[in-house]
Amino acid sequence: MVSLVRVGASVALLAVAMFAGASPYAYVSNEGSGTISVVDVATDRVSATLKVGAKPRGIAVSRDGRRLYVSDQTGNSLVVHDLERGSDVATIALGKSPEAVYLSPDGRWIAAAVEENDLVAIVDLAALKVARTVRMKGKNPEHAVWSPDGKWLYVSAEEADSVDVVDVARGEVVKSITVGQRPRGIGFLPDGSRAYVAAEQADRVSVIDVGKREVVASIAVGSRSNGVLVHPDGKRVFVTSGGKGAVQVIDTASQAIVAEVEVGRRPWNMALSADGKKLYVACGRSNAVAVVDTATYAKSAEIAVGSLPWGVAISGP
């Protein structure tokens, strides 16, 4: 059952109809309140609040901006929500405690990390069913991120010191790359040549040469490093530091930290506006999303959302 948490049901329904295919919106999954906050990227204000699943964590939006894909951690499922209709169109069983979800580069698949079953589920979005599951070597996978060409999935696991590399065509782990204790967020350069992996308990980001499948650099970052996001220009990597309440910026040419922005308590996962000018950071313990200007590295807004925001996804263009 899907409901809208908003004063005036008719106003909320009209707002939802406007989301699909309209100007960009940021969708924020609030695991504590069990809601999705809808933020208008033009104004940085919450336009509406959706009820999708019981404990939403991972979140992705279709390329046409018409559907949300949300992992319901307690429902053990992927909820597919049609923004134009304002209702769920499918609930797909994934396994126990699904975490982050990622849309494939061609928009045809969702990769979902299923924590307590130690697997990644690959969902066919046309058929709305799980097409394949891949058993991981690392325990408690949290992120399963597609390479830009869609040939690989890099998977981090909470109870591991390595990243599992999945050959998508073969549907199996072909290598585990040691990175540091408790790997978390992963981001690829746009050309797919390197991947950046945050290790939360090592307070480091490992840089992986994708062709060689080996670590070529290790960068000291803030305590409890977590989320990773690469700017579309390929020159910068954003990393959240839960211990510092900040986002750090890595220059990919020098592999050095060139900026640090205080954002809020327990910054988690992030998303960029389609033009790359604004970074949206879910700050779980602040119950807010921080907006960072990627040109000046200044925090430009703080948007109150639901309880314990976990993930952010942004529609384009």
C-alpha atoms as a PDB file:
ATOM      1  CA  MET A   1       0.000   0.000   0.000  1.00  0.00           C
ATOM      2  CA  VAL A   2       1.453   3.344  -1.061  1.00  0.00           C
ATOM      3  CA  SER A   3       0.441   6.577   0.583  1.00  0.00           C
ATOM      4  CA  LEU A   4       1.585  10.173   0.415  1.00  0.00           C
ATOM      5  CA  VAL A   5       2.529  11.973   3.613  1.00  0.00           C
ATOM      6  CA  ARG A   6       1.449  15.517   2.923  1.00  0.00           C
ATOM      7  CA  VAL A   7      -1.199  18.028   3.917  1.00  0.00           C
ATOM      8  CA  GLY A   8      -3.866  17.930   1.261  1.00  0.00           C
ATOM      9  CA  ALA A   9      -4.048  14.677  -0.691  1.00  0.00           C
ATOM     10  CA  SER A  10      -5.106  16.320  -3.941  1.00  0.00           C
ATOM     11  CA  VAL A  11      -2.103  18.655  -3.848  1.00  0.00           C
ATOM     12  CA  ALA A  12       0.239  15.729  -3.199  1.00  0.00           C
ATOM     13  CA  LEU A  13      -1.190  13.651  -6.027  1.00  0.00           C
ATOM     14  CA  LEU A  14      -0.790  16.561  -8.409  1.00  0.00           C
ATOM     15  CA  ALA A  15       2.818  16.975  -7.233  1.00  0.00           C
ATOM     16  CA  VAL A  16       3.591  13.313  -7.894  1.00  0.00           C
ATOM     17  CA  ALA A  17       2.169  13.522 -11.404  1.00  0.00           C
ATOM     18  CA  MET A  18       4.531  16.432 -12.042  1.00  0.00           C
ATOM     19  CA  PHE A  19       7.627  14.423 -11.028  1.00  0.00           C
ATOM     20  CA  ALA A  20       7.585  11.991 -13.930  1.00  0.00           C
ATOM     21  CA  GLY A  21       9.501  13.380 -16.878  1.00  0.00           C
ATOM     22  CA  ALA A  22       9.564  16.885 -15.399  1.00  0.00           C
ATOM     23  CA  SER A  23      12.434  19.002 -14.080  1.00  0.00           C
ATOM     24  CA  PRO A  24      15.047  17.172 -11.988  1.00  0.00           C
ATOM     25  CA  TYR A  25      14.211  15.906  -8.515  1.00  0.00           C
ATOM     26  CA  ALA A  26      16.353  14.374  -5.824  1.00  0.00           C
ATOM     27  CA  TYR A  27      14.789  11.367  -4.106  1.00  0.00           C
ATOM     28  CA  VAL A  28      16.023  10.704  -0.571  1.00  0.00           C
ATOM     29  CA  SER A  29      15.422   7.394   1.208  1.00  0.00           C
ATOM     30  CA  ASN A  30      14.784   7.879   4.932  1.00  0.00           C
ATOM     31  CA  GLU A  31      15.240   4.545   6.658  1.00  0.00           C
ATOM     32  CA  GLY A  32      14.164   5.813  10.094  1.00  0.00           C
ATOM     33  CA  SER A  33      10.815   7.267   9.028  1.00  0.00           C
ATOM     34  CA  GLY A  34      10.211   4.817   6.186  1.00  0.00           C
ATOM     35  CA  THR A  35       9.692   7.584   3.640  1.00  0.00           C
ATOM     36  CA  ILE A  36      11.094   9.075   0.445  1.00  0.00           C
ATOM     37  CA  SER A  37      11.599  12.847   0.458  1.00  0.00           C
ATOM     38  CA  VAL A  38      11.216  14.473  -2.968  1.00  0.00           C
ATOM     39  CA  VAL A  39      13.452  17.527  -3.371  1.00  0.00           C
ATOM     40  CA  ASP A  40      13.059  19.988  -6.232  1.00  0.00           C
ATOM     41  CA  VAL A  41      16.635  20.492  -7.469  1.00  0.00           C
ATOM     42  CA  ALA A  42      15.790  23.946  -8.807  1.00  0.00           C
ATOM     43  CA  THR A  43      14.692  25.296  -5.418  1.00  0.00           C
ATOM     44  CA  ASP A  44      16.289  22.802  -3.004  1.00  0.00           C
ATOM     45  CA  ARG A  45      12.993  22.411  -1.193  1.00  0.00           C
ATOM     46  CA  VAL A  46      11.009  19.286  -0.347  1.00  0.00           C
ATOM     47  CA  SER A  47       8.041  19.065  -2.724  1.00  0.00           C
ATOM     48  CA  ALA A  48       6.407  15.957  -1.288  1.00  0.00           C
ATOM     49  CA  THR A  49       6.995  12.882   0.827  1.00  0.00           C
ATOM     50  CA  LEU A  50       6.243   9.385  -0.443  1.00  0.00           C
ATOM     51  CA  LYS A  51       5.652   6.189   1.480  1.00  0.00           C
ATOM     52  CA  VAL A  52       7.453   3.382  -0.368  1.00  0.00           C
ATOM     53  CA  GLY A  53       8.352   0.255   1.601  1.00  0.00           C
ATOM     54  CA  ALA A  54       8.859  -0.017   5.349  1.00  0.00           C
ATOM     55  CA  LYS A  55      12.603   0.709   5.644  1.00  0.00           C
ATOM     56  CA  PRO A  56      13.923   2.185   2.388  1.00  0.00           C
ATOM     57  CA  ARG A  57      17.667   2.217   1.888  1.00  0.00           C
ATOM     58  CA  GLY A  58      19.058   1.805  -1.616  1.00  0.00           C
ATOM     59  CA  ILE A  59      17.394   4.008  -4.204  1.00  0.00           C
ATOM     60  CA  ALA A  60      17.712   4.512  -7.957  1.00  0.00           C
ATOM     61  CA  VAL A  61      15.638   6.312 -10.573  1.00  0.00           C
ATOM     62  CA  SER A  62      14.955   5.189 -14.133  1.00  0.00           C
ATOM     63  CA  ARG A  63      16.620   7.063 -16.960  1.00  0.00           C
ATOM     64  CA  ASP A  64      13.324   8.621 -18.051  1.00  0.00           C
ATOM     65  CA  GLY A  65      12.584   9.735 -14.483  1.00  0.00           C
ATOM     66  CA  ARG A  66       9.309   7.833 -14.317  1.00  0.00           C
ATOM     67  CA  ARG A  67      10.128   5.055 -11.870  1.00  0.00           C
ATOM     68  CA  LEU A  68      11.870   4.683  -8.541  1.00  0.00           C
ATOM     69  CA  TYR A  69      13.619   1.472  -7.490  1.00  0.00           C
ATOM     70  CA  VAL A  70      13.848   1.205  -3.721  1.00  0.00           C
ATOM     71  CA  SER A  71      15.283  -1.579  -1.570  1.00  0.00           C
ATOM     72  CA  ASP A  72      13.019  -2.304   1.397  1.00  0.00           C
ATOM     73  CA  GLN A  73      15.438  -3.624   3.999  1.00  0.00           C
ATOM     74  CA  THR A  74      12.809  -5.170   6.293  1.00  0.00           C
ATOM     75  CA  GLY A  75      10.572  -6.285   3.424  1.00  0.00           C
ATOM     76  CA  ASN A  76      13.505  -8.113   1.764  1.00  0.00           C
ATOM     77  CA  SER A  77      12.448  -6.729  -1.591  1.00  0.00           C
ATOM     78  CA  LEU A  78      12.878  -4.211  -4.376  1.00  0.00           C
ATOM     79  CA  VAL A  79       9.857  -1.932  -4.620  1.00  0.00           C
ATOM     80  CA  VAL A  80       9.191  -0.454  -8.066  1.00  0.00           C
ATOM     81  CA  HIS A  81       7.266   2.790  -7.736  1.00  0.00           C
ATOM     82  CA  ASP A  82       5.630   4.541 -10.701  1.00  0.00           C
ATOM     83  CA  LEU A  83       5.902   8.294 -10.117  1.00  0.00           C
ATOM     84  CA  GLU A  84       3.316   9.158 -12.769  1.00  0.00           C
ATOM     85  CA  ARG A  85       0.671   6.894 -11.245  1.00  0.00           C
ATOM     86  CA  GLY A  86       1.747   7.563  -7.677  1.00  0.00           C
ATOM     87  CA  SER A  87       1.673   3.858  -6.859  1.00  0.00           C
ATOM     88  CA  ASP A  88       3.836   0.747  -6.665  1.00  0.00           C
ATOM     89  CA  VAL A  89       3.807  -1.445  -9.751  1.00  0.00           C
ATOM     90  CA  ALA A  90       5.880  -4.347  -8.419  1.00  0.00           C
ATOM     91  CA  THR A  91       7.473  -5.779  -5.296  1.00  0.00           C
ATOM     92  CA  ILE A  92      10.314  -8.144  -6.198  1.00  0.00           C
ATOM     93  CA  ALA A  93      11.720 -10.548  -3.598  1.00  0.00           C
ATOM     94  CA  LEU A  94      15.492 -10.156  -3.330  1.00  0.00           C
ATOM     95  CA  GLY A  95      16.627 -11.969  -0.192  1.00  0.00           C
ATOM     96  CA  LYS A  96      17.341 -10.994   3.383  1.00  0.00           C
ATOM     97  CA  SER A  97      18.272  -7.376   4.097  1.00  0.00           C
ATOM     98  CA  PRO A  98      18.910  -5.749   0.698  1.00  0.00           C
ATOM     99  CA  GLU A  99      21.115  -2.667   0.743  1.00  0.00           C
ATOM    100  CA  ALA A 100      22.244  -0.399  -2.097  1.00  0.00           C
ATOM    101  CA  VAL A 101      20.754  -0.678  -5.594  1.00  0.00           C
ATOM    102  CA  TYR A 102      22.329   0.559  -8.835  1.00  0.00           C
ATOM    103  CA  LEU A 103      20.906   1.052 -12.320  1.00  0.00           C
ATOM    104  CA  SER A 104      22.994  -0.418 -15.129  1.00  0.00           C
ATOM    105  CA  PRO A 105      24.492   1.995 -17.702  1.00  0.00           C
ATOM    106  CA  ASP A 106      21.953   0.882 -20.330  1.00  0.00           C
ATOM    107  CA  GLY A 107      19.048   1.276 -17.895  1.00  0.00           C
ATOM    108  CA  ARG A 108      17.899  -2.346 -18.291  1.00  0.00           C
ATOM    109  CA  TRP A 109      18.993  -3.841 -14.979  1.00  0.00           C
ATOM    110  CA  ILE A 110      19.225  -3.167 -11.272  1.00  0.00           C
ATOM    111  CA  ALA A 111      22.032  -4.693  -9.212  1.00  0.00           C
ATOM    112  CA  ALA A 112      21.054  -5.109  -5.576  1.00  0.00           C
ATOM    113  CA  ALA A 113      23.450  -6.076  -2.782  1.00  0.00           C
ATOM    114  CA  VAL A 114      21.658  -8.567  -0.504  1.00  0.00           C
ATOM    115  CA  GLU A 115      23.471  -8.374   2.788  1.00  0.00           C
ATOM    116  CA  GLU A 116      22.504 -11.413   4.827  1.00  0.00           C
ATOM    117  CA  ASN A 117      22.440 -13.856   1.904  1.00  0.00           C
ATOM    118  CA  ASP A 118      25.923 -12.765   0.723  1.00  0.00           C
ATOM    119  CA  LEU A 119      24.797 -12.297  -2.860  1.00  0.00           C
ATOM    120  CA  VAL A 120      24.016  -9.770  -5.553  1.00  0.00           C
ATOM    121  CA  ALA A 121      20.653  -9.977  -7.303  1.00  0.00           C
ATOM    122  CA  ILE A 122      20.400  -8.693 -10.873  1.00  0.00           C
ATOM    123  CA  VAL A 123      16.863  -7.594 -11.698  1.00  0.00           C
ATOM    124  CA  ASP A 124      15.469  -7.481 -15.241  1.00  0.00           C
ATOM    125  CA  LEU A 125      13.502  -4.219 -15.299  1.00  0.00           C
ATOM    126  CA  ALA A 126      11.463  -5.161 -18.378  1.00  0.00           C
ATOM    127  CA  ALA A 127      10.300  -8.451 -16.877  1.00  0.00           C
ATOM    128  CA  LEU A 128      10.291  -7.097 -13.295  1.00  0.00           C
ATOM    129  CA  LYS A 129      11.936 -10.193 -11.860  1.00  0.00           C
ATOM    130  CA  VAL A 130      15.323 -11.377 -10.650  1.00  0.00           C
ATOM    131  CA  ALA A 131      17.209 -12.677 -13.677  1.00  0.00           C
ATOM    132  CA  ARG A 132      20.284 -13.922 -11.839  1.00  0.00           C
ATOM    133  CA  THR A 133      21.922 -14.078  -8.433  1.00  0.00           C
ATOM    134  CA  VAL A 134      25.676 -14.139  -7.891  1.00  0.00           C
ATOM    135  CA  ARG A 135      27.230 -15.520  -4.713  1.00  0.00           C
ATOM    136  CA  MET A 136      29.869 -13.247  -3.168  1.00  0.00           C
ATOM    137  CA  LYS A 137      33.103 -14.172  -1.428  1.00  0.00           C
ATOM    138  CA  GLY A 138      32.905 -11.228   0.974  1.00  0.00           C
ATOM    139  CA  LYS A 139      30.224 -11.331   3.677  1.00  0.00           C
ATOM    140  CA  ASN A 140      27.448  -8.748   4.009  1.00  0.00           C
ATOM    141  CA  PRO A 141      27.686  -6.980   0.632  1.00  0.00           C
ATOM    142  CA  GLU A 142      26.474  -3.390   0.668  1.00  0.00           C
ATOM    143  CA  HIS A 143      27.314  -1.820  -2.698  1.00  0.00           C
ATOM    144  CA  ALA A 144      27.293  -3.471  -6.135  1.00  0.00           C
ATOM    145  CA  VAL A 145      28.396  -0.840  -8.647  1.00  0.00           C
ATOM    146  CA  TRP A 146      28.429  -1.227 -12.449  1.00  0.00           C
ATOM    147  CA  SER A 147      31.492  -0.320 -14.480  1.00  0.00           C
ATOM    148  CA  PRO A 148      30.699   2.331 -17.127  1.00  0.00           C
ATOM    149  CA  ASP A 149      30.672  -0.307 -19.891  1.00  0.00           C
ATOM    150  CA  GLY A 150      28.373  -2.586 -17.891  1.00  0.00           C
ATOM    151  CA  LYS A 151      30.766  -5.541 -18.054  1.00  0.00           C
ATOM    152  CA  TRP A 152      31.735  -5.610 -14.394  1.00  0.00           C
ATOM    153  CA  LEU A 153      30.185  -5.236 -10.979  1.00  0.00           C
ATOM    154  CA  TYR A 154      32.463  -4.196  -8.137  1.00  0.00           C
ATOM    155  CA  VAL A 155      30.976  -5.342  -4.841  1.00  0.00           C
ATOM    156  CA  SER A 156      31.984  -4.182  -1.359  1.00  0.00           C
ATOM    157  CA  ALA A 157      31.115  -6.129   1.771  1.00  0.00           C
ATOM    158  CA  GLU A 158      30.975  -4.967   5.379  1.00  0.00           C
ATOM    159  CA  GLU A 159      32.707  -8.049   6.785  1.00  0.00           C
ATOM    160  CA  ALA A 160      35.609  -8.098   4.354  1.00  0.00           C
ATOM    161  CA  ASP A 161      38.826  -6.362   3.460  1.00  0.00           C
ATOM    162  CA  SER A 162      38.330  -6.783  -0.273  1.00  0.00           C
ATOM    163  CA  VAL A 163      36.150  -5.960  -3.266  1.00  0.00           C
ATOM    164  CA  ASP A 164      34.671  -8.796  -5.308  1.00  0.00           C
ATOM    165  CA  VAL A 165      34.844  -8.328  -9.085  1.00  0.00           C
ATOM    166  CA  VAL A 166      31.885  -9.868 -10.896  1.00  0.00           C
ATOM    167  CA  ASP A 167      32.060 -10.719 -14.592  1.00  0.00           C
ATOM    168  CA  VAL A 168      28.471  -9.873 -15.544  1.00  0.00           C
ATOM    169  CA  ALA A 169      28.393 -12.068 -18.658  1.00  0.00           C
ATOM    170  CA  ARG A 170      29.672 -15.094 -16.750  1.00  0.00           C
ATOM    171  CA  GLY A 171      27.695 -14.297 -13.625  1.00  0.00           C
ATOM    172  CA  GLU A 172      30.508 -15.072 -11.204  1.00  0.00           C
ATOM    173  CA  VAL A 173      33.201 -13.519  -9.051  1.00  0.00           C
ATOM    174  CA  VAL A 174      36.472 -13.607 -10.995  1.00  0.00           C
ATOM    175  CA  LYS A 175      38.699 -11.890  -8.453  1.00  0.00           C
ATOM    176  CA  SER A 176      38.745 -10.390  -4.948  1.00  0.00           C
ATOM    177  CA  ILE A 177      40.950  -7.299  -4.606  1.00  0.00           C
ATOM    178  CA  THR A 178      42.250  -6.443  -1.128  1.00  0.00           C
ATOM    179  CA  VAL A 179      41.526  -2.813  -0.246  1.00  0.00           C
ATOM    180  CA  GLY A 180      41.201  -2.370   3.536  1.00  0.00           C
ATOM    181  CA  GLN A 181      38.913  -3.308   6.374  1.00  0.00           C
ATOM    182  CA  ARG A 182      35.166  -2.791   5.889  1.00  0.00           C
ATOM    183  CA  PRO A 183      34.976  -1.511   2.282  1.00  0.00           C
ATOM    184  CA  ARG A 184      31.993   0.674   1.502  1.00  0.00           C
ATOM    185  CA  GLY A 185      31.342   3.082  -1.361  1.00  0.00           C
ATOM    186  CA  ILE A 186      32.738   2.557  -4.859  1.00  0.00           C
ATOM    187  CA  GLY A 187      33.021   4.901  -7.829  1.00  0.00           C
ATOM    188  CA  PHE A 188      34.437   4.456 -11.340  1.00  0.00           C
ATOM    189  CA  LEU A 189      36.096   7.098 -13.472  1.00  0.00           C
ATOM    190  CA  PRO A 190      33.928   7.858 -16.527  1.00  0.00           C
ATOM    191  CA  ASP A 191      36.365   6.037 -18.830  1.00  0.00           C
ATOM    192  CA  GLY A 192      36.278   2.950 -16.598  1.00  0.00           C
ATOM    193  CA  SER A 193      40.043   2.884 -16.110  1.00  0.00           C
ATOM    194  CA  ARG A 194      40.040   3.206 -12.330  1.00  0.00           C
ATOM    195  CA  ALA A 195      37.764   2.560  -9.382  1.00  0.00           C
ATOM    196  CA  TYR A 196      37.873   4.314  -6.011  1.00  0.00           C
ATOM    197  CA  VAL A 197      36.876   2.320  -2.919  1.00  0.00           C
ATOM    198  CA  ALA A 198      36.418   3.681   0.618  1.00  0.00           C
ATOM    199  CA  ALA A 199      37.388   1.397   3.506  1.00  0.00           C
ATOM    200  CA  GLU A 200      35.500   2.564   6.578  1.00  0.00           C
ATOM    201  CA  GLN A 201      37.707   1.092   9.296  1.00  0.00           C
ATOM    202  CA  ALA A 202      40.963   1.781   7.456  1.00  0.00           C
ATOM    203  CA  ASP A 203      40.139   5.465   6.853  1.00  0.00           C
ATOM    204  CA  ARG A 204      41.543   5.132   3.354  1.00  0.00           C
ATOM    205  CA  VAL A 205      40.437   5.143  -0.266  1.00  0.00           C
ATOM    206  CA  SER A 206      42.030   2.522  -2.499  1.00  0.00           C
ATOM    207  CA  VAL A 207      42.504   3.267  -6.188  1.00  0.00           C
ATOM    208  CA  ILE A 208      42.105   0.180  -8.383  1.00  0.00           C
ATOM    209  CA  ASP A 209      43.471  -0.165 -11.905  1.00  0.00           C
ATOM    210  CA  VAL A 210      40.503  -1.875 -13.552  1.00  0.00           C
ATOM    211  CA  GLY A 211      42.529  -3.443 -16.356  1.00  0.00           C
ATOM    212  CA  LYS A 212      45.130  -4.896 -14.009  1.00  0.00           C
ATOM    213  CA  ARG A 213      42.628  -5.595 -11.205  1.00  0.00           C
ATOM    214  CA  GLU A 214      45.040  -4.353  -8.577  1.00  0.00           C
ATOM    215  CA  VAL A 215      45.407  -1.429  -6.169  1.00  0.00           C
ATOM    216  CA  VAL A 216      47.742   1.240  -7.556  1.00  0.00           C
ATOM    217  CA  ALA A 217      47.318   3.904  -4.855  1.00  0.00           C
ATOM    218  CA  SER A 218      46.018   4.308  -1.306  1.00  0.00           C
ATOM    219  CA  ILE A 219      44.812   7.699  -0.056  1.00  0.00           C
ATOM    220  CA  ALA A 220      44.420   8.611   3.621  1.00  0.00           C
ATOM    221  CA  VAL A 221      41.002  10.196   4.167  1.00  0.00           C
ATOM    222  CA  GLY A 222      38.728  11.164   7.054  1.00  0.00           C
ATOM    223  CA  SER A 223      37.616   8.759   9.744  1.00  0.00           C
ATOM    224  CA  ARG A 224      34.855   6.291   8.882  1.00  0.00           C
ATOM    225  CA  SER A 225      35.096   6.962   5.172  1.00  0.00           C
ATOM    226  CA  ASN A 226      31.971   5.713   3.482  1.00  0.00           C
ATOM    227  CA  GLY A 227      30.245   7.061   0.383  1.00  0.00           C
ATOM    228  CA  VAL A 228      32.144   7.561  -2.883  1.00  0.00           C
ATOM    229  CA  LEU A 229      31.000   9.515  -5.925  1.00  0.00           C
ATOM    230  CA  VAL A 230      32.999  10.478  -9.021  1.00  0.00           C
ATOM    231  CA  HIS A 231      32.274  13.776 -10.758  1.00  0.00           C
ATOM    232  CA  PRO A 232      31.345  13.391 -14.461  1.00  0.00           C
ATOM    233  CA  ASP A 233      34.437  15.380 -15.433  1.00  0.00           C
ATOM    234  CA  GLY A 234      36.578  12.545 -14.034  1.00  0.00           C
ATOM    235  CA  LYS A 235      38.822  15.014 -12.246  1.00  0.00           C
ATOM    236  CA  ARG A 236      37.329  14.785  -8.765  1.00  0.00           C
ATOM    237  CA  VAL A 237      36.128  12.107  -6.378  1.00  0.00           C
ATOM    238  CA  PHE A 238      33.862  12.932  -3.424  1.00  0.00           C
ATOM    239  CA  VAL A 239      34.178  10.845  -0.255  1.00  0.00           C
ATOM    240  CA  THR A 240      32.016  11.114   2.874  1.00  0.00           C
ATOM    241  CA  SER A 241      33.688  10.951   6.269  1.00  0.00           C
ATOM    242  CA  GLY A 242      31.241   9.863   8.959  1.00  0.00           C
ATOM    243  CA  GLY A 243      33.678  10.639  11.747  1.00  0.00           C
ATOM    244  CA  LYS A 244      34.414  14.190  10.572  1.00  0.00           C
ATOM    245  CA  GLY A 245      30.919  15.015   9.351  1.00  0.00           C
ATOM    246  CA  ALA A 246      32.461  16.136   6.096  1.00  0.00           C
ATOM    247  CA  VAL A 247      32.908  15.464   2.397  1.00  0.00           C
ATOM    248  CA  GLN A 248      36.462  15.340   1.121  1.00  0.00           C
ATOM    249  CA  VAL A 249      37.443  15.970  -2.482  1.00  0.00           C
ATOM    250  CA  ILE A 250      40.191  13.926  -4.144  1.00  0.00           C
ATOM    251  CA  ASP A 251      41.966  15.260  -7.219  1.00  0.00           C
ATOM    252  CA  THR A 252      42.341  12.289  -9.565  1.00  0.00           C
ATOM    253  CA  ALA A 253      45.514  13.623 -11.178  1.00  0.00           C
ATOM    254  CA  SER A 254      47.490  14.009  -7.948  1.00  0.00           C
ATOM    255  CA  GLN A 255      45.486  11.517  -5.829  1.00  0.00           C
ATOM    256  CA  ALA A 256      45.506  14.155  -3.082  1.00  0.00           C
ATOM    257  CA  ILE A 257      42.702  15.706  -1.049  1.00  0.00           C
ATOM    258  CA  VAL A 258      42.179  19.246  -2.335  1.00  0.00           C
ATOM    259  CA  ALA A 259      39.100  20.314  -0.332  1.00  0.00           C
ATOM    260  CA  GLU A 260      36.977  19.400   2.657  1.00  0.00           C
ATOM    261  CA  VAL A 261      33.415  20.558   3.302  1.00  0.00           C
ATOM    262  CA  GLU A 262      31.567  20.195   6.604  1.00  0.00           C
ATOM    263  CA  VAL A 263      28.096  18.895   5.786  1.00  0.00           C
ATOM    264  CA  GLY A 264      26.400  17.385   8.847  1.00  0.00           C
ATOM    265  CA  ARG A 265      26.315  14.383  11.157  1.00  0.00           C
ATOM    266  CA  ARG A 266      27.065  10.940   9.696  1.00  0.00           C
ATOM    267  CA  PRO A 267      27.178  11.793   6.003  1.00  0.00           C
ATOM    268  CA  TRP A 268      26.343   8.673   4.049  1.00  0.00           C
ATOM    269  CA  ASN A 269      25.540   8.303   0.368  1.00  0.00           C
ATOM    270  CA  MET A 270      25.464  11.031  -2.284  1.00  0.00           C
ATOM    271  CA  ALA A 271      24.199  12.040  -5.711  1.00  0.00           C
ATOM    272  CA  LEU A 272      25.093  14.769  -8.198  1.00  0.00           C
ATOM    273  CA  SER A 273      22.750  16.994 -10.144  1.00  0.00           C
ATOM    274  CA  ALA A 274      22.734  16.183 -13.856  1.00  0.00           C
ATOM    275  CA  ASP A 275      24.898  19.213 -14.642  1.00  0.00           C
ATOM    276  CA  GLY A 276      27.411  18.233 -11.952  1.00  0.00           C
ATOM    277  CA  LYS A 277      27.119  21.588 -10.194  1.00  0.00           C
ATOM    278  CA  LYS A 278      25.466  20.438  -6.963  1.00  0.00           C
ATOM    279  CA  LEU A 279      26.269  17.509  -4.687  1.00  0.00           C
ATOM    280  CA  TYR A 280      23.479  16.151  -2.475  1.00  0.00           C
ATOM    281  CA  VAL A 281      24.671  14.383   0.680  1.00  0.00           C
ATOM    282  CA  ALA A 282      22.437  12.303   2.953  1.00  0.00           C
ATOM    283  CA  CYS A 283      23.404  13.209   6.532  1.00  0.00           C
ATOM    284  CA  GLY A 284      21.802  10.462   8.576  1.00  0.00           C
ATOM    285  CA  ARG A 285      22.151  11.824  12.097  1.00  0.00           C
ATOM    286  CA  SER A 286      21.230  15.343  11.013  1.00  0.00           C
ATOM    287  CA  ASN A 287      17.967  14.165   9.386  1.00  0.00           C
ATOM    288  CA  ALA A 288      18.919  16.390   6.503  1.00  0.00           C
ATOM    289  CA  VAL A 289      20.473  16.534   3.054  1.00  0.00           C
ATOM    290  CA  ALA A 290      23.377  18.914   2.585  1.00  0.00           C
ATOM    291  CA  VAL A 291      23.846  20.610  -0.790  1.00  0.00           C
ATOM    292  CA  VAL A 292      27.427  21.370  -1.827  1.00  0.00           C
ATOM    293  CA  ASP A 293      28.434  23.706  -4.640  1.00  0.00           C
ATOM    294  CA  THR A 294      31.008  21.670  -6.579  1.00  0.00           C
ATOM    295  CA  ALA A 295      32.697  24.789  -7.989  1.00  0.00           C
ATOM    296  CA  THR A 296      33.319  26.579  -4.690  1.00  0.00           C
ATOM    297  CA  TYR A 297      33.200  23.569  -2.341  1.00  0.00           C
ATOM    298  CA  ALA A 298      30.820  25.471  -0.077  1.00  0.00           C
ATOM    299  CA  LYS A 299      27.721  24.092   1.580  1.00  0.00           C
ATOM    300  CA  SER A 300      24.918  26.044  -0.071  1.00  0.00           C
ATOM    301  CA  ALA A 301      21.865  24.542   1.630  1.00  0.00           C
ATOM    302  CA  GLU A 302      20.663  22.128   4.269  1.00  0.00           C
ATOM    303  CA  ILE A 303      17.312  20.491   3.554  1.00  0.00           C
ATOM    304  CA  ALA A 304      15.328  18.896   6.373  1.00  0.00           C
ATOM    305  CA  VAL A 305      14.048  15.479   5.284  1.00  0.00           C
ATOM    306  CA  GLY A 306      12.854  12.371   7.115  1.00  0.00           C
ATOM    307  CA  SER A 307      14.551  10.388   9.851  1.00  0.00           C
ATOM    308  CA  LEU A 308      17.957   8.819   9.099  1.00  0.00           C
ATOM    309  CA  PRO A 309      18.370   9.619   5.392  1.00  0.00           C
ATOM    310  CA  TRP A 310      20.431   6.832   3.760  1.00  0.00           C
ATOM    311  CA  GLY A 311      20.544   7.291   0.000  1.00  0.00           C
ATOM    312  CA  VAL A 312      19.960   9.868  -2.726  1.00  0.00           C
ATOM    313  CA  ALA A 313      19.050   9.448  -6.406  1.00  0.00           C
ATOM    314  CA  ILE A 314      18.511  12.262  -8.910  1.00  0.00           C
ATOM    315  CA  SER A 315      16.461  12.267 -12.078  1.00  0.00           C
ATOM    316  CA  GLY A 316      17.722  14.004 -15.214  1.00  0.00           C
ATOM    317  CA  PRO A 317      18.287  15.921 -17.309  1.00  0.00           C
END
